[in-house]
Amino acid sequence: QVQLVESGGGLVQPGGSLGLSCAASIFTFSRYAMSWYRQALGKERGLVALITSAGCITNYTDSGKGRFTITRDNGKKTVYLQMNSLKREDTAVYYCKAARGSFTFWGQGTQVTVSS
């Protein structure tokens, strides 16, 4: 059974930093593109950052560009999201996703709250 488990969420002040992790129990993890999404209360889930299977290419939406960094460690089967200069509008549940062909798996999400 495939599982993605996010961790690292919490409460942080505006301007602060937070690092999220997503540990995967996927045998062929290195073949999956990994991404981070977020969903704020009352809003649709949207893409934040994506990293290809080998980690050679990363892509960010405007919400994270310049402030967030996605990385992965295929040996540890883990993907990370480092978030800096956090803003109140970054408050959301953050989800990681694994995708390969027709296969897609989601984690359960981790809450990030940016507030003073």
PDB file of N, CA and C in Angstrom:
ATOM      1  N   GLN A   1       0.846  -1.186   0.000  1.00  0.00           N
ATOM      2  CA  GLN A   1       0.000   0.000   0.000  1.00  0.00           C
ATOM      3  C   GLN A   1       0.883   1.237   0.000  1.00  0.00           C
ATOM      4  N   VAL A   2       0.618   2.142  -0.938  1.00  0.00           N
ATOM      5  CA  VAL A   2       1.420   3.346  -1.053  1.00  0.00           C
ATOM      6  C   VAL A   2       0.949   4.362  -0.030  1.00  0.00           C
ATOM      7  N   GLN A   3       1.909   4.950   0.660  1.00  0.00           N
ATOM      8  CA  GLN A   3       1.594   6.004   1.610  1.00  0.00           C
ATOM      9  C   GLN A   3       2.536   7.173   1.427  1.00  0.00           C
ATOM     10  N   LEU A   4       1.973   8.370   1.519  1.00  0.00           N
ATOM     11  CA  LEU A   4       2.759   9.592   1.556  1.00  0.00           C
ATOM     12  C   LEU A   4       2.429  10.280   2.868  1.00  0.00           C
ATOM     13  N   VAL A   5       3.452  10.570   3.650  1.00  0.00           N
ATOM     14  CA  VAL A   5       3.220  11.150   4.966  1.00  0.00           C
ATOM     15  C   VAL A   5       3.965  12.469   5.069  1.00  0.00           C
ATOM     16  N   GLU A   6       3.189  13.542   5.140  1.00  0.00           N
ATOM     17  CA  GLU A   6       3.778  14.870   5.279  1.00  0.00           C
ATOM     18  C   GLU A   6       4.040  15.181   6.741  1.00  0.00           C
ATOM     19  N   SER A   7       5.039  16.010   6.982  1.00  0.00           N
ATOM     20  CA  SER A   7       5.345  16.470   8.328  1.00  0.00           C
ATOM     21  C   SER A   7       6.024  17.824   8.242  1.00  0.00           C
ATOM     22  N   GLY A   8       6.108  18.499   9.387  1.00  0.00           N
ATOM     23  CA  GLY A   8       6.813  19.767   9.446  1.00  0.00           C
ATOM     24  C   GLY A   8       5.934  20.991   9.501  1.00  0.00           C
ATOM     25  N   GLY A   9       4.637  20.811   9.359  1.00  0.00           N
ATOM     26  CA  GLY A   9       3.751  21.951   9.434  1.00  0.00           C
ATOM     27  C   GLY A   9       3.669  22.514  10.843  1.00  0.00           C
ATOM     28  N   GLY A  10       3.041  23.682  10.957  1.00  0.00           N
ATOM     29  CA  GLY A  10       2.904  24.291  12.262  1.00  0.00           C
ATOM     30  C   GLY A  10       2.590  25.758  12.151  1.00  0.00           C
ATOM     31  N   LEU A  11       2.783  26.456  13.253  1.00  0.00           N
ATOM     32  CA  LEU A  11       2.524  27.892  13.335  1.00  0.00           C
ATOM     33  C   LEU A  11       3.843  28.649  13.219  1.00  0.00           C
ATOM     34  N   VAL A  12       3.854  29.638  12.368  1.00  0.00           N
ATOM     35  CA  VAL A  12       5.055  30.445  12.163  1.00  0.00           C
ATOM     36  C   VAL A  12       4.641  31.894  11.983  1.00  0.00           C
ATOM     37  N   GLN A  13       5.492  32.801  12.403  1.00  0.00           N
ATOM     38  CA  GLN A  13       5.197  34.221  12.252  1.00  0.00           C
ATOM     39  C   GLN A  13       5.470  34.689  10.831  1.00  0.00           C
ATOM     40  N   PRO A  14       4.794  35.720  10.391  1.00  0.00           N
ATOM     41  CA  PRO A  14       5.090  36.286   9.069  1.00  0.00           C
ATOM     42  C   PRO A  14       6.565  36.628   8.941  1.00  0.00           C
ATOM     43  N   GLY A  15       7.120  36.282   7.787  1.00  0.00           N
ATOM     44  CA  GLY A  15       8.544  36.490   7.567  1.00  0.00           C
ATOM     45  C   GLY A  15       9.410  35.320   7.986  1.00  0.00           C
ATOM     46  N   GLY A  16       8.821  34.360   8.658  1.00  0.00           N
ATOM     47  CA  GLY A  16       9.568  33.211   9.139  1.00  0.00           C
ATOM     48  C   GLY A  16       9.719  32.130   8.088  1.00  0.00           C
ATOM     49  N   SER A  17      10.343  31.038   8.499  1.00  0.00           N
ATOM     50  CA  SER A  17      10.607  29.916   7.594  1.00  0.00           C
ATOM     51  C   SER A  17      10.073  28.622   8.178  1.00  0.00           C
ATOM     52  N   LEU A  18       9.789  27.692   7.291  1.00  0.00           N
ATOM     53  CA  LEU A  18       9.303  26.382   7.698  1.00  0.00           C
ATOM     54  C   LEU A  18       9.714  25.372   6.649  1.00  0.00           C
ATOM     55  N   GLY A  19      10.082  24.186   7.086  1.00  0.00           N
ATOM     56  CA  GLY A  19      10.443  23.130   6.151  1.00  0.00           C
ATOM     57  C   GLY A  19       9.491  21.957   6.260  1.00  0.00           C
ATOM     58  N   LEU A  20       8.931  21.548   5.156  1.00  0.00           N
ATOM     59  CA  LEU A  20       8.024  20.405   5.113  1.00  0.00           C
ATOM     60  C   LEU A  20       8.751  19.197   4.522  1.00  0.00           C
ATOM     61  N   SER A  21       8.349  18.030   4.968  1.00  0.00           N
ATOM     62  CA  SER A  21       8.871  16.777   4.424  1.00  0.00           C
ATOM     63  C   SER A  21       7.711  15.876   4.039  1.00  0.00           C
ATOM     64  N   CYS A  22       7.958  15.042   3.061  1.00  0.00           N
ATOM     65  CA  CYS A  22       6.969  14.057   2.647  1.00  0.00           C
ATOM     66  C   CYS A  22       7.697  12.742   2.414  1.00  0.00           C
ATOM     67  N   ALA A  23       7.457  11.793   3.294  1.00  0.00           N
ATOM     68  CA  ALA A  23       8.093  10.487   3.188  1.00  0.00           C
ATOM     69  C   ALA A  23       7.161   9.533   2.458  1.00  0.00           C
ATOM     70  N   ALA A  24       7.722   8.831   1.474  1.00  0.00           N
ATOM     71  CA  ALA A  24       6.908   7.968   0.616  1.00  0.00           C
ATOM     72  C   ALA A  24       7.273   6.506   0.805  1.00  0.00           C
ATOM     73  N   SER A  25       6.256   5.687   0.804  1.00  0.00           N
ATOM     74  CA  SER A  25       6.483   4.245   0.865  1.00  0.00           C
ATOM     75  C   SER A  25       6.247   3.640  -0.515  1.00  0.00           C
ATOM     76  N   ILE A  26       6.885   4.261  -1.506  1.00  0.00           N
ATOM     77  CA  ILE A  26       6.752   3.806  -2.895  1.00  0.00           C
ATOM     78  C   ILE A  26       8.035   3.090  -3.276  1.00  0.00           C
ATOM     79  N   PHE A  27       7.917   1.861  -3.733  1.00  0.00           N
ATOM     80  CA  PHE A  27       9.109   1.076  -4.052  1.00  0.00           C
ATOM     81  C   PHE A  27       9.947   1.738  -5.137  1.00  0.00           C
ATOM     82  N   THR A  28       9.249   2.286  -6.150  1.00  0.00           N
ATOM     83  CA  THR A  28       9.944   2.927  -7.268  1.00  0.00           C
ATOM     84  C   THR A  28       9.846   4.436  -7.165  1.00  0.00           C
ATOM     85  N   PHE A  29      10.094   4.958  -5.985  1.00  0.00           N
ATOM     86  CA  PHE A  29       9.949   6.393  -5.725  1.00  0.00           C
ATOM     87  C   PHE A  29      10.717   7.235  -6.729  1.00  0.00           C
ATOM     88  N   SER A  30      11.895   6.798  -7.103  1.00  0.00           N
ATOM     89  CA  SER A  30      12.758   7.603  -7.983  1.00  0.00           C
ATOM     90  C   SER A  30      12.166   7.776  -9.373  1.00  0.00           C
ATOM     91  N   ARG A  31      11.127   7.041  -9.710  1.00  0.00           N
ATOM     92  CA  ARG A  31      10.504   7.163 -11.016  1.00  0.00           C
ATOM     93  C   ARG A  31       9.294   8.100 -11.008  1.00  0.00           C
ATOM     94  N   TYR A  32       8.964   8.626  -9.846  1.00  0.00           N
ATOM     95  CA  TYR A  32       7.790   9.480  -9.718  1.00  0.00           C
ATOM     96  C   TYR A  32       8.174  10.955  -9.689  1.00  0.00           C
ATOM     97  N   ALA A  33       7.423  11.751 -10.419  1.00  0.00           N
ATOM     98  CA  ALA A  33       7.491  13.193 -10.227  1.00  0.00           C
ATOM     99  C   ALA A  33       6.757  13.513  -8.937  1.00  0.00           C
ATOM    100  N   MET A  34       7.337  14.429  -8.176  1.00  0.00           N
ATOM    101  CA  MET A  34       6.739  14.796  -6.892  1.00  0.00           C
ATOM    102  C   MET A  34       6.358  16.269  -6.904  1.00  0.00           C
ATOM    103  N   SER A  35       5.305  16.590  -6.216  1.00  0.00           N
ATOM    104  CA  SER A  35       4.882  17.980  -6.172  1.00  0.00           C
ATOM    105  C   SER A  35       4.235  18.302  -4.832  1.00  0.00           C
ATOM    106  N   TRP A  36       4.187  19.572  -4.552  1.00  0.00           N
ATOM    107  CA  TRP A  36       3.510  20.091  -3.374  1.00  0.00           C
ATOM    108  C   TRP A  36       2.331  20.949  -3.840  1.00  0.00           C
ATOM    109  N   TYR A  37       1.208  20.730  -3.212  1.00  0.00           N
ATOM    110  CA  TYR A  37       0.011  21.516  -3.433  1.00  0.00           C
ATOM    111  C   TYR A  37      -0.398  22.132  -2.094  1.00  0.00           C
ATOM    112  N   ARG A  38      -1.268  23.105  -2.170  1.00  0.00           N
ATOM    113  CA  ARG A  38      -1.831  23.644  -0.937  1.00  0.00           C
ATOM    114  C   ARG A  38      -3.287  24.025  -1.161  1.00  0.00           C
ATOM    115  N   GLN A  39      -4.019  23.991  -0.056  1.00  0.00           N
ATOM    116  CA  GLN A  39      -5.439  24.343  -0.103  1.00  0.00           C
ATOM    117  C   GLN A  39      -5.777  25.184   1.108  1.00  0.00           C
ATOM    118  N   ALA A  40      -6.108  26.429   0.849  1.00  0.00           N
ATOM    119  CA  ALA A  40      -6.551  27.324   1.911  1.00  0.00           C
ATOM    120  C   ALA A  40      -8.037  27.127   2.154  1.00  0.00           C
ATOM    121  N   LEU A  41      -8.481  27.535   3.307  1.00  0.00           N
ATOM    122  CA  LEU A  41      -9.877  27.362   3.681  1.00  0.00           C
ATOM    123  C   LEU A  41     -10.788  28.045   2.672  1.00  0.00           C
ATOM    124  N   GLY A  42     -11.710  27.301   2.113  1.00  0.00           N
ATOM    125  CA  GLY A  42     -12.661  27.850   1.165  1.00  0.00           C
ATOM    126  C   GLY A  42     -12.138  28.013  -0.245  1.00  0.00           C
ATOM    127  N   LYS A  43     -10.932  27.535  -0.488  1.00  0.00           N
ATOM    128  CA  LYS A  43     -10.345  27.666  -1.824  1.00  0.00           C
ATOM    129  C   LYS A  43      -9.999  26.301  -2.397  1.00  0.00           C
ATOM    130  N   GLU A  44      -9.765  26.259  -3.685  1.00  0.00           N
ATOM    131  CA  GLU A  44      -9.398  25.019  -4.342  1.00  0.00           C
ATOM    132  C   GLU A  44      -7.923  24.696  -4.084  1.00  0.00           C
ATOM    133  N   ARG A  45      -7.637  23.418  -4.188  1.00  0.00           N
ATOM    134  CA  ARG A  45      -6.258  22.977  -4.045  1.00  0.00           C
ATOM    135  C   ARG A  45      -5.470  23.411  -5.276  1.00  0.00           C
ATOM    136  N   GLY A  46      -4.285  23.955  -5.062  1.00  0.00           N
ATOM    137  CA  GLY A  46      -3.488  24.432  -6.175  1.00  0.00           C
ATOM    138  C   GLY A  46      -2.021  24.043  -6.050  1.00  0.00           C
ATOM    139  N   LEU A  47      -1.375  23.927  -7.188  1.00  0.00           N
ATOM    140  CA  LEU A  47       0.033  23.527  -7.246  1.00  0.00           C
ATOM    141  C   LEU A  47       0.933  24.626  -6.694  1.00  0.00           C
ATOM    142  N   VAL A  48       1.926  24.218  -5.935  1.00  0.00           N
ATOM    143  CA  VAL A  48       2.917  25.149  -5.412  1.00  0.00           C
ATOM    144  C   VAL A  48       4.272  24.927  -6.087  1.00  0.00           C
ATOM    145  N   ALA A  49       4.705  23.661  -6.136  1.00  0.00           N
ATOM    146  CA  ALA A  49       6.021  23.362  -6.701  1.00  0.00           C
ATOM    147  C   ALA A  49       6.054  21.923  -7.178  1.00  0.00           C
ATOM    148  N   LEU A  50       6.910  21.661  -8.159  1.00  0.00           N
ATOM    149  CA  LEU A  50       7.034  20.332  -8.739  1.00  0.00           C
ATOM    150  C   LEU A  50       8.504  20.026  -8.979  1.00  0.00           C
ATOM    151  N   ILE A  51       8.853  18.756  -8.835  1.00  0.00           N
ATOM    152  CA  ILE A  51      10.219  18.318  -9.127  1.00  0.00           C
ATOM    153  C   ILE A  51      10.145  17.005  -9.892  1.00  0.00           C
ATOM    154  N   THR A  52      10.945  16.899 -10.933  1.00  0.00           N
ATOM    155  CA  THR A  52      10.928  15.698 -11.755  1.00  0.00           C
ATOM    156  C   THR A  52      11.560  14.522 -11.019  1.00  0.00           C
ATOM    157  N   SER A  53      11.426  13.343 -11.603  1.00  0.00           N
ATOM    158  CA  SER A  53      11.831  12.121 -10.910  1.00  0.00           C
ATOM    159  C   SER A  53      13.303  12.116 -10.513  1.00  0.00           C
ATOM    160  N   ALA A  54      14.166  12.603 -11.376  1.00  0.00           N
ATOM    161  CA  ALA A  54      15.594  12.624 -11.064  1.00  0.00           C
ATOM    162  C   ALA A  54      16.002  13.895 -10.337  1.00  0.00           C
ATOM    163  N   GLY A  55      15.066  14.804 -10.183  1.00  0.00           N
ATOM    164  CA  GLY A  55      15.372  16.050  -9.484  1.00  0.00           C
ATOM    165  C   GLY A  55      16.072  17.090 -10.331  1.00  0.00           C
ATOM    166  N   CYS A  56      16.112  16.844 -11.641  1.00  0.00           N
ATOM    167  CA  CYS A  56      16.851  17.755 -12.517  1.00  0.00           C
ATOM    168  C   CYS A  56      16.086  19.034 -12.802  1.00  0.00           C
ATOM    169  N   ILE A  57      14.779  18.940 -12.787  1.00  0.00           N
ATOM    170  CA  ILE A  57      13.956  20.085 -13.148  1.00  0.00           C
ATOM    171  C   ILE A  57      12.967  20.378 -12.027  1.00  0.00           C
ATOM    172  N   THR A  58      12.889  21.629 -11.663  1.00  0.00           N
ATOM    173  CA  THR A  58      11.893  22.080 -10.690  1.00  0.00           C
ATOM    174  C   THR A  58      11.065  23.193 -11.321  1.00  0.00           C
ATOM    175  N   ASN A  59       9.884  23.330 -10.841  1.00  0.00           N
ATOM    176  CA  ASN A  59       8.998  24.363 -11.358  1.00  0.00           C
ATOM    177  C   ASN A  59       8.148  24.889 -10.213  1.00  0.00           C
ATOM    178  N   TYR A  60       7.883  26.159 -10.245  1.00  0.00           N
ATOM    179  CA  TYR A  60       7.137  26.798  -9.175  1.00  0.00           C
ATOM    180  C   TYR A  60       6.032  27.659  -9.759  1.00  0.00           C
ATOM    181  N   THR A  61       4.916  27.678  -9.084  1.00  0.00           N
ATOM    182  CA  THR A  61       3.891  28.629  -9.449  1.00  0.00           C
ATOM    183  C   THR A  61       4.207  29.962  -8.774  1.00  0.00           C
ATOM    184  N   ASP A  62       3.464  30.973  -9.144  1.00  0.00           N
ATOM    185  CA  ASP A  62       3.738  32.310  -8.611  1.00  0.00           C
ATOM    186  C   ASP A  62       3.661  32.341  -7.087  1.00  0.00           C
ATOM    187  N   SER A  63       2.850  31.448  -6.525  1.00  0.00           N
ATOM    188  CA  SER A  63       2.669  31.456  -5.074  1.00  0.00           C
ATOM    189  C   SER A  63       3.966  31.138  -4.336  1.00  0.00           C
ATOM    190  N   GLY A  64       4.853  30.381  -4.961  1.00  0.00           N
ATOM    191  CA  GLY A  64       6.062  29.971  -4.262  1.00  0.00           C
ATOM    192  C   GLY A  64       7.357  30.450  -4.882  1.00  0.00           C
ATOM    193  N   LYS A  65       7.264  31.012  -6.059  1.00  0.00           N
ATOM    194  CA  LYS A  65       8.478  31.396  -6.791  1.00  0.00           C
ATOM    195  C   LYS A  65       9.308  32.412  -6.007  1.00  0.00           C
ATOM    196  N   GLY A  66      10.597  32.097  -5.858  1.00  0.00           N
ATOM    197  CA  GLY A  66      11.494  33.007  -5.170  1.00  0.00           C
ATOM    198  C   GLY A  66      11.530  32.851  -3.669  1.00  0.00           C
ATOM    199  N   ARG A  67      10.563  32.150  -3.105  1.00  0.00           N
ATOM    200  CA  ARG A  67      10.521  31.980  -1.651  1.00  0.00           C
ATOM    201  C   ARG A  67      10.579  30.503  -1.240  1.00  0.00           C
ATOM    202  N   PHE A  68      10.071  29.630  -2.097  1.00  0.00           N
ATOM    203  CA  PHE A  68      10.005  28.205  -1.763  1.00  0.00           C
ATOM    204  C   PHE A  68      11.016  27.431  -2.599  1.00  0.00           C
ATOM    205  N   THR A  69      11.527  26.353  -2.015  1.00  0.00           N
ATOM    206  CA  THR A  69      12.457  25.477  -2.720  1.00  0.00           C
ATOM    207  C   THR A  69      12.045  24.022  -2.521  1.00  0.00           C
ATOM    208  N   ILE A  70      11.844  23.326  -3.628  1.00  0.00           N
ATOM    209  CA  ILE A  70      11.507  21.908  -3.566  1.00  0.00           C
ATOM    210  C   ILE A  70      12.747  21.082  -3.889  1.00  0.00           C
ATOM    211  N   THR A  71      12.991  20.076  -3.095  1.00  0.00           N
ATOM    212  CA  THR A  71      14.111  19.166  -3.323  1.00  0.00           C
ATOM    213  C   THR A  71      13.650  17.748  -3.014  1.00  0.00           C
ATOM    214  N   ARG A  72      14.469  16.793  -3.390  1.00  0.00           N
ATOM    215  CA  ARG A  72      14.124  15.404  -3.100  1.00  0.00           C
ATOM    216  C   ARG A  72      15.388  14.609  -2.825  1.00  0.00           C
ATOM    217  N   ASP A  73      15.207  13.563  -2.042  1.00  0.00           N
ATOM    218  CA  ASP A  73      16.287  12.620  -1.761  1.00  0.00           C
ATOM    219  C   ASP A  73      15.744  11.243  -2.118  1.00  0.00           C
ATOM    220  N   ASN A  74      16.119  10.744  -3.267  1.00  0.00           N
ATOM    221  CA  ASN A  74      15.570   9.462  -3.724  1.00  0.00           C
ATOM    222  C   ASN A  74      16.031   8.302  -2.847  1.00  0.00           C
ATOM    223  N   GLY A  75      17.183   8.435  -2.239  1.00  0.00           N
ATOM    224  CA  GLY A  75      17.650   7.381  -1.342  1.00  0.00           C
ATOM    225  C   GLY A  75      16.785   7.267  -0.101  1.00  0.00           C
ATOM    226  N   LYS A  76      16.290   8.397   0.369  1.00  0.00           N
ATOM    227  CA  LYS A  76      15.418   8.419   1.547  1.00  0.00           C
ATOM    228  C   LYS A  76      13.945   8.402   1.172  1.00  0.00           C
ATOM    229  N   LYS A  77      13.657   8.424  -0.136  1.00  0.00           N
ATOM    230  CA  LYS A  77      12.271   8.430  -0.613  1.00  0.00           C
ATOM    231  C   LYS A  77      11.486   9.572   0.031  1.00  0.00           C
ATOM    232  N   THR A  78      12.079  10.738  -0.010  1.00  0.00           N
ATOM    233  CA  THR A  78      11.486  11.898   0.652  1.00  0.00           C
ATOM    234  C   THR A  78      11.601  13.125  -0.246  1.00  0.00           C
ATOM    235  N   VAL A  79      10.561  13.920  -0.242  1.00  0.00           N
ATOM    236  CA  VAL A  79      10.572  15.195  -0.931  1.00  0.00           C
ATOM    237  C   VAL A  79      10.376  16.290   0.120  1.00  0.00           C
ATOM    238  N   TYR A  80      11.017  17.414  -0.124  1.00  0.00           N
ATOM    239  CA  TYR A  80      11.022  18.505   0.845  1.00  0.00           C
ATOM    240  C   TYR A  80      10.497  19.786   0.207  1.00  0.00           C
ATOM    241  N   LEU A  81       9.973  20.659   1.040  1.00  0.00           N
ATOM    242  CA  LEU A  81       9.602  21.993   0.617  1.00  0.00           C
ATOM    243  C   LEU A  81      10.088  22.969   1.679  1.00  0.00           C
ATOM    244  N   GLN A  82      11.094  23.742   1.325  1.00  0.00           N
ATOM    245  CA  GLN A  82      11.601  24.777   2.215  1.00  0.00           C
ATOM    246  C   GLN A  82      10.882  26.076   1.880  1.00  0.00           C
ATOM    247  N   MET A  83      10.257  26.662   2.878  1.00  0.00           N
ATOM    248  CA  MET A  83       9.473  27.869   2.668  1.00  0.00           C
ATOM    249  C   MET A  83      10.069  28.998   3.489  1.00  0.00           C
ATOM    250  N   ASN A  84      10.443  30.059   2.808  1.00  0.00           N
ATOM    251  CA  ASN A  84      11.026  31.230   3.461  1.00  0.00           C
ATOM    252  C   ASN A  84      10.138  32.449   3.239  1.00  0.00           C
ATOM    253  N   SER A  85      10.383  33.479   4.029  1.00  0.00           N
ATOM    254  CA  SER A  85       9.632  34.740   3.904  1.00  0.00           C
ATOM    255  C   SER A  85       8.136  34.481   3.853  1.00  0.00           C
ATOM    256  N   LEU A  86       7.657  33.691   4.778  1.00  0.00           N
ATOM    257  CA  LEU A  86       6.252  33.291   4.760  1.00  0.00           C
ATOM    258  C   LEU A  86       5.325  34.464   5.004  1.00  0.00           C
ATOM    259  N   LYS A  87       4.186  34.404   4.337  1.00  0.00           N
ATOM    260  CA  LYS A  87       3.178  35.440   4.421  1.00  0.00           C
ATOM    261  C   LYS A  87       1.890  34.837   4.983  1.00  0.00           C
ATOM    262  N   ARG A  88       1.021  35.697   5.491  1.00  0.00           N
ATOM    263  CA  ARG A  88      -0.247  35.198   6.028  1.00  0.00           C
ATOM    264  C   ARG A  88      -1.018  34.423   4.964  1.00  0.00           C
ATOM    265  N   GLU A  89      -0.910  34.841   3.738  1.00  0.00           N
ATOM    266  CA  GLU A  89      -1.658  34.174   2.671  1.00  0.00           C
ATOM    267  C   GLU A  89      -1.091  32.805   2.319  1.00  0.00           C
ATOM    268  N   ASP A  90       0.029  32.429   2.912  1.00  0.00           N
ATOM    269  CA  ASP A  90       0.555  31.080   2.723  1.00  0.00           C
ATOM    270  C   ASP A  90      -0.133  30.076   3.652  1.00  0.00           C
ATOM    271  N   THR A  91      -0.980  30.556   4.527  1.00  0.00           N
ATOM    272  CA  THR A  91      -1.713  29.671   5.430  1.00  0.00           C
ATOM    273  C   THR A  91      -2.605  28.726   4.628  1.00  0.00           C
ATOM    274  N   ALA A  92      -2.397  27.425   4.844  1.00  0.00           N
ATOM    275  CA  ALA A  92      -3.126  26.413   4.089  1.00  0.00           C
ATOM    276  C   ALA A  92      -2.739  25.029   4.590  1.00  0.00           C
ATOM    277  N   VAL A  93      -3.459  24.044   4.113  1.00  0.00           N
ATOM    278  CA  VAL A  93      -3.024  22.657   4.277  1.00  0.00           C
ATOM    279  C   VAL A  93      -2.156  22.319   3.068  1.00  0.00           C
ATOM    280  N   TYR A  94      -0.976  21.809   3.323  1.00  0.00           N
ATOM    281  CA  TYR A  94      -0.027  21.473   2.266  1.00  0.00           C
ATOM    282  C   TYR A  94      -0.008  19.968   2.052  1.00  0.00           C
ATOM    283  N   TYR A  95      -0.140  19.589   0.775  1.00  0.00           N
ATOM    284  CA  TYR A  95      -0.191  18.182   0.402  1.00  0.00           C
ATOM    285  C   TYR A  95       0.960  17.847  -0.540  1.00  0.00           C
ATOM    286  N   CYS A  96       1.500  16.657  -0.413  1.00  0.00           N
ATOM    287  CA  CYS A  96       2.426  16.214  -1.434  1.00  0.00           C
ATOM    288  C   CYS A  96       1.727  15.190  -2.330  1.00  0.00           C
ATOM    289  N   LYS A  97       2.191  15.151  -3.564  1.00  0.00           N
ATOM    290  CA  LYS A  97       1.616  14.261  -4.557  1.00  0.00           C
ATOM    291  C   LYS A  97       2.722  13.545  -5.311  1.00  0.00           C
ATOM    292  N   ALA A  98       2.500  12.266  -5.559  1.00  0.00           N
ATOM    293  CA  ALA A  98       3.403  11.471  -6.384  1.00  0.00           C
ATOM    294  C   ALA A  98       2.665  11.099  -7.654  1.00  0.00           C
ATOM    295  N   ALA A  99       3.307  11.264  -8.802  1.00  0.00           N
ATOM    296  CA  ALA A  99       2.644  10.978 -10.065  1.00  0.00           C
ATOM    297  C   ALA A  99       3.600  10.300 -11.038  1.00  0.00           C
ATOM    298  N   ARG A 100       3.077   9.273 -11.686  1.00  0.00           N
ATOM    299  CA  ARG A 100       3.812   8.580 -12.744  1.00  0.00           C
ATOM    300  C   ARG A 100       2.798   7.933 -13.664  1.00  0.00           C
ATOM    301  N   GLY A 101       2.718   8.436 -14.890  1.00  0.00           N
ATOM    302  CA  GLY A 101       1.737   7.919 -15.833  1.00  0.00           C
ATOM    303  C   GLY A 101       0.339   8.102 -15.278  1.00  0.00           C
ATOM    304  N   SER A 102      -0.407   7.010 -15.198  1.00  0.00           N
ATOM    305  CA  SER A 102      -1.781   7.065 -14.713  1.00  0.00           C
ATOM    306  C   SER A 102      -1.872   6.900 -13.193  1.00  0.00           C
ATOM    307  N   PHE A 103      -0.737   6.755 -12.538  1.00  0.00           N
ATOM    308  CA  PHE A 103      -0.723   6.563 -11.095  1.00  0.00           C
ATOM    309  C   PHE A 103      -0.510   7.889 -10.382  1.00  0.00           C
ATOM    310  N   THR A 104      -1.395   8.166  -9.428  1.00  0.00           N
ATOM    311  CA  THR A 104      -1.296   9.384  -8.624  1.00  0.00           C
ATOM    312  C   THR A 104      -1.618   9.044  -7.177  1.00  0.00           C
ATOM    313  N   PHE A 105      -0.765   9.528  -6.285  1.00  0.00           N
ATOM    314  CA  PHE A 105      -0.976   9.295  -4.859  1.00  0.00           C
ATOM    315  C   PHE A 105      -0.845  10.618  -4.114  1.00  0.00           C
ATOM    316  N   TRP A 106      -1.676  10.773  -3.083  1.00  0.00           N
ATOM    317  CA  TRP A 106      -1.691  11.976  -2.264  1.00  0.00           C
ATOM    318  C   TRP A 106      -1.402  11.644  -0.816  1.00  0.00           C
ATOM    319  N   GLY A 107      -0.772  12.592  -0.142  1.00  0.00           N
ATOM    320  CA  GLY A 107      -0.633  12.494   1.294  1.00  0.00           C
ATOM    321  C   GLY A 107      -1.865  13.051   1.987  1.00  0.00           C
ATOM    322  N   GLN A 108      -1.860  13.003   3.294  1.00  0.00           N
ATOM    323  CA  GLN A 108      -3.022  13.432   4.072  1.00  0.00           C
ATOM    324  C   GLN A 108      -2.989  14.923   4.380  1.00  0.00           C
ATOM    325  N   GLY A 109      -1.854  15.558   4.138  1.00  0.00           N
ATOM    326  CA  GLY A 109      -1.744  16.993   4.331  1.00  0.00           C
ATOM    327  C   GLY A 109      -1.182  17.384   5.684  1.00  0.00           C
ATOM    328  N   THR A 110      -0.575  18.561   5.712  1.00  0.00           N
ATOM    329  CA  THR A 110      -0.061  19.112   6.961  1.00  0.00           C
ATOM    330  C   THR A 110      -0.403  20.606   6.998  1.00  0.00           C
ATOM    331  N   GLN A 111      -0.886  21.064   8.123  1.00  0.00           N
ATOM    332  CA  GLN A 111      -1.362  22.438   8.258  1.00  0.00           C
ATOM    333  C   GLN A 111      -0.196  23.389   8.481  1.00  0.00           C
ATOM    334  N   VAL A 112      -0.186  24.449   7.700  1.00  0.00           N
ATOM    335  CA  VAL A 112       0.763  25.548   7.898  1.00  0.00           C
ATOM    336  C   VAL A 112      -0.048  26.800   8.190  1.00  0.00           C
ATOM    337  N   THR A 113       0.242  27.419   9.306  1.00  0.00           N
ATOM    338  CA  THR A 113      -0.451  28.640   9.693  1.00  0.00           C
ATOM    339  C   THR A 113       0.568  29.747   9.895  1.00  0.00           C
ATOM    340  N   VAL A 114       0.387  30.820   9.161  1.00  0.00           N
ATOM    341  CA  VAL A 114       1.284  31.974   9.271  1.00  0.00           C
ATOM    342  C   VAL A 114       0.510  33.083   9.968  1.00  0.00           C
ATOM    343  N   SER A 115       0.923  33.377  11.185  1.00  0.00           N
ATOM    344  CA  SER A 115       0.184  34.344  11.985  1.00  0.00           C
ATOM    345  C   SER A 115       1.074  34.899  13.077  1.00  0.00           C
ATOM    346  N   SER A 116       0.815  36.135  13.453  1.00  0.00           N
ATOM    347  CA  SER A 116       1.545  36.741  14.554  1.00  0.00           C
ATOM    348  C   SER A 116       0.744  36.612  15.849  1.00  0.00           C
TER     349      SER A 116
END
